[in-house]
Amino acid sequence: MEVGARRSSVITAILATWLVTAAWDFVCATMLSVLAYGSTFARLWQSVAAVVLGAPALTMGTRGVAAGLGLHLLVALTWSTIFVLTLDRSATLRRAVGPRTGAIAVALVYGPLIWLVMSLVVIRVATGRPTVFGFRWWVQLFAHVPFVTLPLVFTARRALGLGGRPG
């Protein structure tokens, strides 16, 4: 494949993977927050914004929600880009995700890895607060597999033409 076509294919894979990942994670986070934790849509996304903007994000109304959603999209883009670029450049990872069981195994590793980096490094550095290993932390650790990395890995895999149905 020529360089321009390959670059276009990778960019398309990043965009598809990002949008699918962001949508699945959005639905999961929103439903979990509202239905399981009794919070509100606005409070969830204002809380996400507060990681970067601090406590004032909790009183910013719609602007705080928009900031949280924007941050969510940026984080989903970052993790999707990392995965697609790694998948494009690593023959070992491409071989691993070729079979469906291999793709599931990769998702089982990548989901917890994302949450560990986010909770132990990114959020901790951004807020200056230590990580709290409570019930919700563990829910996030496990929920990242079905609601973040299974869609992420399978979308990237398909977008780059690695296993699964062509197209």
C-alpha atoms as a PDB file:
ATOM      1  CA  MET A   1       0.000   0.000   0.000  1.00  0.00           C
ATOM      2  CA  GLU A   2       1.364   3.429  -0.881  1.00  0.00           C
ATOM      3  CA  VAL A   3       2.267   5.813   1.949  1.00  0.00           C
ATOM      4  CA  GLY A   4      -0.620   8.226   1.302  1.00  0.00           C
ATOM      5  CA  ALA A   5      -3.214   5.442   1.187  1.00  0.00           C
ATOM      6  CA  ARG A   6      -1.769   3.833   4.314  1.00  0.00           C
ATOM      7  CA  ARG A   7      -1.831   7.159   6.193  1.00  0.00           C
ATOM      8  CA  SER A   8      -5.434   7.701   5.098  1.00  0.00           C
ATOM      9  CA  SER A   9      -6.344   4.193   6.254  1.00  0.00           C
ATOM     10  CA  VAL A  10      -4.757   4.785   9.652  1.00  0.00           C
ATOM     11  CA  ILE A  11      -6.477   8.162  10.056  1.00  0.00           C
ATOM     12  CA  THR A  12      -9.817   6.610   9.121  1.00  0.00           C
ATOM     13  CA  ALA A  13      -9.190   3.801  11.638  1.00  0.00           C
ATOM     14  CA  ILE A  14      -8.348   6.337  14.357  1.00  0.00           C
ATOM     15  CA  LEU A  15     -11.515   8.339  13.687  1.00  0.00           C
ATOM     16  CA  ALA A  16     -13.767   5.261  13.605  1.00  0.00           C
ATOM     17  CA  THR A  17     -12.176   3.789  16.716  1.00  0.00           C
ATOM     18  CA  TRP A  18     -12.382   7.110  18.551  1.00  0.00           C
ATOM     19  CA  LEU A  19     -16.052   7.698  17.797  1.00  0.00           C
ATOM     20  CA  VAL A  20     -17.120   4.147  18.682  1.00  0.00           C
ATOM     21  CA  THR A  21     -15.043   4.161  21.876  1.00  0.00           C
ATOM     22  CA  ALA A  22     -16.265   7.591  22.935  1.00  0.00           C
ATOM     23  CA  ALA A  23     -19.897   6.617  22.329  1.00  0.00           C
ATOM     24  CA  TRP A  24     -19.719   3.319  24.240  1.00  0.00           C
ATOM     25  CA  ASP A  25     -17.862   4.898  27.158  1.00  0.00           C
ATOM     26  CA  PHE A  26     -20.283   7.851  27.201  1.00  0.00           C
ATOM     27  CA  VAL A  27     -23.283   5.530  27.455  1.00  0.00           C
ATOM     28  CA  CYS A  28     -21.640   3.333  30.096  1.00  0.00           C
ATOM     29  CA  ALA A  29     -20.455   6.231  32.259  1.00  0.00           C
ATOM     30  CA  THR A  30     -23.776   8.038  32.012  1.00  0.00           C
ATOM     31  CA  MET A  31     -25.927   4.991  32.772  1.00  0.00           C
ATOM     32  CA  LEU A  32     -23.675   3.863  35.610  1.00  0.00           C
ATOM     33  CA  SER A  33     -23.658   7.317  37.159  1.00  0.00           C
ATOM     34  CA  VAL A  34     -27.386   7.964  36.812  1.00  0.00           C
ATOM     35  CA  LEU A  35     -28.856   4.488  37.320  1.00  0.00           C
ATOM     36  CA  ALA A  36     -26.395   2.846  39.714  1.00  0.00           C
ATOM     37  CA  TYR A  37     -24.982   5.794  41.652  1.00  0.00           C
ATOM     38  CA  GLY A  38     -28.054   8.060  41.709  1.00  0.00           C
ATOM     39  CA  SER A  39     -26.212  11.058  40.282  1.00  0.00           C
ATOM     40  CA  THR A  40     -27.225  13.217  37.344  1.00  0.00           C
ATOM     41  CA  PHE A  41     -25.988  13.573  33.793  1.00  0.00           C
ATOM     42  CA  ALA A  42     -24.798  17.118  34.492  1.00  0.00           C
ATOM     43  CA  ARG A  43     -22.998  16.210  37.710  1.00  0.00           C
ATOM     44  CA  LEU A  44     -21.124  13.349  36.045  1.00  0.00           C
ATOM     45  CA  TRP A  45     -19.723  15.463  33.220  1.00  0.00           C
ATOM     46  CA  GLN A  46     -19.062  18.455  35.470  1.00  0.00           C
ATOM     47  CA  SER A  47     -17.074  16.071  37.696  1.00  0.00           C
ATOM     48  CA  VAL A  48     -15.038  14.966  34.689  1.00  0.00           C
ATOM     49  CA  ALA A  49     -14.307  18.629  33.928  1.00  0.00           C
ATOM     50  CA  ALA A  50     -13.368  19.180  37.567  1.00  0.00           C
ATOM     51  CA  VAL A  51     -10.416  16.819  37.158  1.00  0.00           C
ATOM     52  CA  VAL A  52      -8.752  19.526  35.063  1.00  0.00           C
ATOM     53  CA  LEU A  53     -10.606  22.706  36.049  1.00  0.00           C
ATOM     54  CA  GLY A  54     -11.015  22.004  39.749  1.00  0.00           C
ATOM     55  CA  ALA A  55     -14.102  22.435  41.918  1.00  0.00           C
ATOM     56  CA  PRO A  56     -15.410  25.499  40.008  1.00  0.00           C
ATOM     57  CA  ALA A  57     -16.399  23.142  37.168  1.00  0.00           C
ATOM     58  CA  LEU A  58     -19.098  21.754  39.463  1.00  0.00           C
ATOM     59  CA  THR A  59     -20.881  25.119  39.452  1.00  0.00           C
ATOM     60  CA  MET A  60     -20.369  26.046  35.801  1.00  0.00           C
ATOM     61  CA  GLY A  61     -23.691  24.599  34.640  1.00  0.00           C
ATOM     62  CA  THR A  62     -23.841  23.775  30.948  1.00  0.00           C
ATOM     63  CA  ARG A  63     -20.294  25.056  30.389  1.00  0.00           C
ATOM     64  CA  GLY A  64     -19.030  22.537  32.952  1.00  0.00           C
ATOM     65  CA  VAL A  65     -20.936  19.735  31.236  1.00  0.00           C
ATOM     66  CA  ALA A  66     -19.520  20.791  27.855  1.00  0.00           C
ATOM     67  CA  ALA A  67     -15.999  20.922  29.291  1.00  0.00           C
ATOM     68  CA  GLY A  68     -16.426  17.429  30.746  1.00  0.00           C
ATOM     69  CA  LEU A  69     -17.735  16.063  27.463  1.00  0.00           C
ATOM     70  CA  GLY A  70     -14.868  17.718  25.612  1.00  0.00           C
ATOM     71  CA  LEU A  71     -12.367  16.179  28.015  1.00  0.00           C
ATOM     72  CA  HIS A  72     -14.068  12.801  27.584  1.00  0.00           C
ATOM     73  CA  LEU A  73     -13.707  13.085  23.800  1.00  0.00           C
ATOM     74  CA  LEU A  74     -10.050  14.052  24.126  1.00  0.00           C
ATOM     75  CA  VAL A  75      -9.277  11.094  26.399  1.00  0.00           C
ATOM     76  CA  ALA A  76     -11.092   8.675  24.075  1.00  0.00           C
ATOM     77  CA  LEU A  77      -9.185  10.116  21.109  1.00  0.00           C
ATOM     78  CA  THR A  78      -5.871   9.722  22.934  1.00  0.00           C
ATOM     79  CA  TRP A  79      -6.352   6.059  23.907  1.00  0.00           C
ATOM     80  CA  SER A  80      -7.831   5.201  20.492  1.00  0.00           C
ATOM     81  CA  THR A  81      -4.921   6.863  18.694  1.00  0.00           C
ATOM     82  CA  ILE A  82      -2.352   5.100  20.855  1.00  0.00           C
ATOM     83  CA  PHE A  83      -3.956   1.745  20.123  1.00  0.00           C
ATOM     84  CA  VAL A  84      -4.454   2.223  16.373  1.00  0.00           C
ATOM     85  CA  LEU A  85      -0.917   3.540  15.854  1.00  0.00           C
ATOM     86  CA  THR A  86       0.537   0.696  17.909  1.00  0.00           C
ATOM     87  CA  LEU A  87      -1.588  -1.817  16.022  1.00  0.00           C
ATOM     88  CA  ASP A  88      -0.482  -0.359  12.694  1.00  0.00           C
ATOM     89  CA  ARG A  89       3.198  -0.530  13.641  1.00  0.00           C
ATOM     90  CA  SER A  90       3.372  -3.791  15.598  1.00  0.00           C
ATOM     91  CA  ALA A  91       3.292  -7.079  13.700  1.00  0.00           C
ATOM     92  CA  THR A  92       3.052  -8.895  17.036  1.00  0.00           C
ATOM     93  CA  LEU A  93      -0.059  -6.976  18.073  1.00  0.00           C
ATOM     94  CA  ARG A  94      -1.611  -7.435  14.613  1.00  0.00           C
ATOM     95  CA  ARG A  95      -1.093 -11.195  14.873  1.00  0.00           C
ATOM     96  CA  ALA A  96      -2.553 -11.146  18.398  1.00  0.00           C
ATOM     97  CA  VAL A  97      -5.798  -9.390  17.422  1.00  0.00           C
ATOM     98  CA  GLY A  98      -6.314 -11.391  14.211  1.00  0.00           C
ATOM     99  CA  PRO A  99      -8.268 -14.207  15.867  1.00  0.00           C
ATOM    100  CA  ARG A 100     -11.375 -13.140  17.794  1.00  0.00           C
ATOM    101  CA  THR A 101     -10.043 -14.756  20.995  1.00  0.00           C
ATOM    102  CA  GLY A 102      -6.790 -12.835  20.605  1.00  0.00           C
ATOM    103  CA  ALA A 103      -8.673  -9.552  20.184  1.00  0.00           C
ATOM    104  CA  ILE A 104     -10.646 -10.308  23.352  1.00  0.00           C
ATOM    105  CA  ALA A 105      -7.413 -11.105  25.212  1.00  0.00           C
ATOM    106  CA  VAL A 106      -5.883  -7.803  24.111  1.00  0.00           C
ATOM    107  CA  ALA A 107      -9.016  -5.942  25.261  1.00  0.00           C
ATOM    108  CA  LEU A 108      -8.818  -7.737  28.621  1.00  0.00           C
ATOM    109  CA  VAL A 109      -5.337  -6.278  29.089  1.00  0.00           C
ATOM    110  CA  TYR A 110      -5.800  -2.839  27.503  1.00  0.00           C
ATOM    111  CA  GLY A 111      -8.960  -1.897  29.442  1.00  0.00           C
ATOM    112  CA  PRO A 112      -7.457  -2.280  32.915  1.00  0.00           C
ATOM    113  CA  LEU A 113      -4.218  -0.709  31.662  1.00  0.00           C
ATOM    114  CA  ILE A 114      -6.126   2.404  30.575  1.00  0.00           C
ATOM    115  CA  TRP A 115      -7.884   2.677  33.931  1.00  0.00           C
ATOM    116  CA  LEU A 116      -4.664   2.102  35.885  1.00  0.00           C
ATOM    117  CA  VAL A 117      -2.840   4.847  33.980  1.00  0.00           C
ATOM    118  CA  MET A 118      -5.808   7.215  34.223  1.00  0.00           C
ATOM    119  CA  SER A 119      -6.476   6.661  37.929  1.00  0.00           C
ATOM    120  CA  LEU A 120      -2.948   6.199  39.227  1.00  0.00           C
ATOM    121  CA  VAL A 121      -1.205   8.801  37.073  1.00  0.00           C
ATOM    122  CA  VAL A 122      -3.385  11.192  35.049  1.00  0.00           C
ATOM    123  CA  ILE A 123      -6.210  11.908  37.517  1.00  0.00           C
ATOM    124  CA  ARG A 124      -3.873  11.826  40.500  1.00  0.00           C
ATOM    125  CA  VAL A 125      -1.465  14.321  38.911  1.00  0.00           C
ATOM    126  CA  ALA A 126      -4.297  16.557  37.662  1.00  0.00           C
ATOM    127  CA  THR A 127      -6.098  16.693  41.008  1.00  0.00           C
ATOM    128  CA  GLY A 128      -3.200  16.317  43.424  1.00  0.00           C
ATOM    129  CA  ARG A 129      -5.248  13.773  45.357  1.00  0.00           C
ATOM    130  CA  PRO A 130      -4.299  10.160  46.034  1.00  0.00           C
ATOM    131  CA  THR A 131      -6.219   7.384  44.309  1.00  0.00           C
ATOM    132  CA  VAL A 132      -9.042   5.911  46.397  1.00  0.00           C
ATOM    133  CA  PHE A 133      -9.434   2.172  45.842  1.00  0.00           C
ATOM    134  CA  GLY A 134     -13.125   1.937  46.704  1.00  0.00           C
ATOM    135  CA  PHE A 135     -15.996   0.081  45.117  1.00  0.00           C
ATOM    136  CA  ARG A 136     -16.351   2.552  42.220  1.00  0.00           C
ATOM    137  CA  TRP A 137     -12.630   2.287  41.400  1.00  0.00           C
ATOM    138  CA  TRP A 138     -13.001  -1.493  40.984  1.00  0.00           C
ATOM    139  CA  VAL A 139     -16.166  -1.084  38.922  1.00  0.00           C
ATOM    140  CA  GLN A 140     -14.240   1.232  36.588  1.00  0.00           C
ATOM    141  CA  LEU A 141     -11.357  -1.235  36.332  1.00  0.00           C
ATOM    142  CA  PHE A 142     -13.640  -4.032  35.149  1.00  0.00           C
ATOM    143  CA  ALA A 143     -16.113  -1.872  33.173  1.00  0.00           C
ATOM    144  CA  HIS A 144     -13.322  -0.610  30.932  1.00  0.00           C
ATOM    145  CA  VAL A 145     -13.183  -3.984  29.210  1.00  0.00           C
ATOM    146  CA  PRO A 146     -16.756  -4.332  27.890  1.00  0.00           C
ATOM    147  CA  PHE A 147     -17.480  -0.609  27.536  1.00  0.00           C
ATOM    148  CA  VAL A 148     -14.158   0.771  26.358  1.00  0.00           C
ATOM    149  CA  THR A 149     -11.669  -1.735  25.030  1.00  0.00           C
ATOM    150  CA  LEU A 150     -13.817  -4.429  23.456  1.00  0.00           C
ATOM    151  CA  PRO A 151     -15.401  -1.805  21.177  1.00  0.00           C
ATOM    152  CA  LEU A 152     -12.023  -0.085  20.745  1.00  0.00           C
ATOM    153  CA  VAL A 153     -10.054  -3.214  19.824  1.00  0.00           C
ATOM    154  CA  PHE A 154     -12.723  -4.695  17.547  1.00  0.00           C
ATOM    155  CA  THR A 155     -13.315  -1.380  15.759  1.00  0.00           C
ATOM    156  CA  ALA A 156      -9.584  -0.799  15.197  1.00  0.00           C
ATOM    157  CA  ARG A 157      -9.144  -4.403  14.095  1.00  0.00           C
ATOM    158  CA  ARG A 158     -11.908  -4.139  11.536  1.00  0.00           C
ATOM    159  CA  ALA A 159     -10.968  -0.636  10.375  1.00  0.00           C
ATOM    160  CA  LEU A 160      -7.443  -1.832   9.599  1.00  0.00           C
ATOM    161  CA  GLY A 161      -8.716  -5.027   7.939  1.00  0.00           C
ATOM    162  CA  LEU A 162      -7.271  -7.408  10.529  1.00  0.00           C
ATOM    163  CA  GLY A 163      -9.608 -10.350  11.024  1.00  0.00           C
ATOM    164  CA  GLY A 164     -13.339 -10.315  11.121  1.00  0.00           C
ATOM    165  CA  ARG A 165     -15.444  -9.521   8.101  1.00  0.00           C
ATOM    166  CA  PRO A 166     -13.854  -7.326   5.463  1.00  0.00           C
ATOM    167  CA  GLY A 167     -15.243  -3.888   4.915  1.00  0.00           C
END
